[in-house]
Amino acid sequence: MTDAAPLRWRKSSRSGSTSDCVEVPHTRDRLRDSKHTAVELTVGQDGWSAFLATAKNDGFTSN
């Protein structure tokens, strides 16, 4: 049995140089906080689609 290739994580180009970012791997099935990279949230394809829809509608803006 061979080990799976390591995930290649990236953050949005809109994040600039800030560290308050959500990162996503090339598989697009999980998320992680750029400040706490040891913790991953597996979301699956439906969760990923819901995350993108919310982000595109500014659903994550703070009050």
Protein backbone atom coordinates (compact mmCIF):
# COMPACT_ATOMS: atom_id res chain seq x y z
CA MET A 1 0.00 0.00 0.00
CA THR A 2 1.32 3.44 -0.90
CA ASP A 3 0.77 6.65 1.01
CA ALA A 4 -1.48 9.25 -0.56
CA ALA A 5 0.17 12.37 -1.90
CA PRO A 6 0.19 15.26 0.59
CA LEU A 7 -2.52 17.85 0.15
CA ARG A 8 -1.59 21.13 -1.52
CA TRP A 9 -3.34 23.85 0.49
CA ARG A 10 -3.96 27.37 -0.80
CA LYS A 11 -5.66 30.51 0.40
CA SER A 12 -7.58 33.07 -1.60
CA SER A 13 -5.56 35.61 -3.50
CA ARG A 14 -7.92 38.20 -1.99
CA SER A 15 -6.50 37.41 1.45
CA GLY A 16 -3.35 39.36 0.73
CA SER A 17 -0.74 39.03 3.45
CA THR A 18 -3.21 38.62 6.32
CA SER A 19 -3.29 35.40 8.32
CA ASP A 20 -7.06 35.45 8.94
CA CYS A 21 -7.84 33.08 6.11
CA VAL A 22 -9.57 29.88 5.25
CA GLU A 23 -7.44 27.48 3.22
CA VAL A 24 -8.64 24.77 0.86
CA PRO A 25 -6.72 21.88 -0.72
CA HIS A 26 -6.80 20.91 -4.38
CA THR A 27 -9.34 18.18 -3.50
CA ARG A 28 -11.91 20.82 -2.41
CA ASP A 29 -13.43 18.53 0.18
CA ARG A 30 -12.15 20.15 3.38
CA LEU A 31 -11.24 23.51 4.92
CA ARG A 32 -8.82 24.75 7.56
CA ASP A 33 -7.96 27.98 9.34
CA SER A 34 -4.60 29.34 8.20
CA LYS A 35 -3.67 30.05 11.84
CA HIS A 36 -4.56 26.53 13.04
CA THR A 37 -3.40 24.26 10.23
CA ALA A 38 -3.42 21.05 12.31
CA VAL A 39 -7.24 21.09 12.38
CA GLU A 40 -9.15 20.27 9.19
CA LEU A 41 -12.89 20.31 8.60
CA THR A 42 -14.02 17.71 6.07
CA VAL A 43 -17.03 19.10 4.22
CA GLY A 44 -17.51 16.92 1.13
CA GLN A 45 -18.71 18.23 -2.21
CA ASP A 46 -22.17 19.32 -0.99
CA GLY A 47 -20.62 21.17 1.94
CA TRP A 48 -18.08 22.81 -0.36
CA SER A 49 -20.86 24.00 -2.69
CA ALA A 50 -22.80 25.43 0.27
CA PHE A 51 -19.67 27.16 1.59
CA LEU A 52 -19.01 28.81 -1.77
CA ALA A 53 -22.63 29.93 -2.15
CA THR A 54 -22.56 31.53 1.30
CA ALA A 55 -19.20 33.20 0.67
CA LYS A 56 -20.34 34.59 -2.68
CA ASN A 57 -23.38 36.14 -0.97
CA ASP A 58 -21.27 37.75 1.81
CA GLY A 59 -22.79 35.35 4.31
CA PHE A 60 -19.65 35.37 6.46
CA THR A 61 -19.39 39.10 7.07
CA SER A 62 -19.32 40.21 10.70
CA ASN A 63 -21.75 42.71 12.16
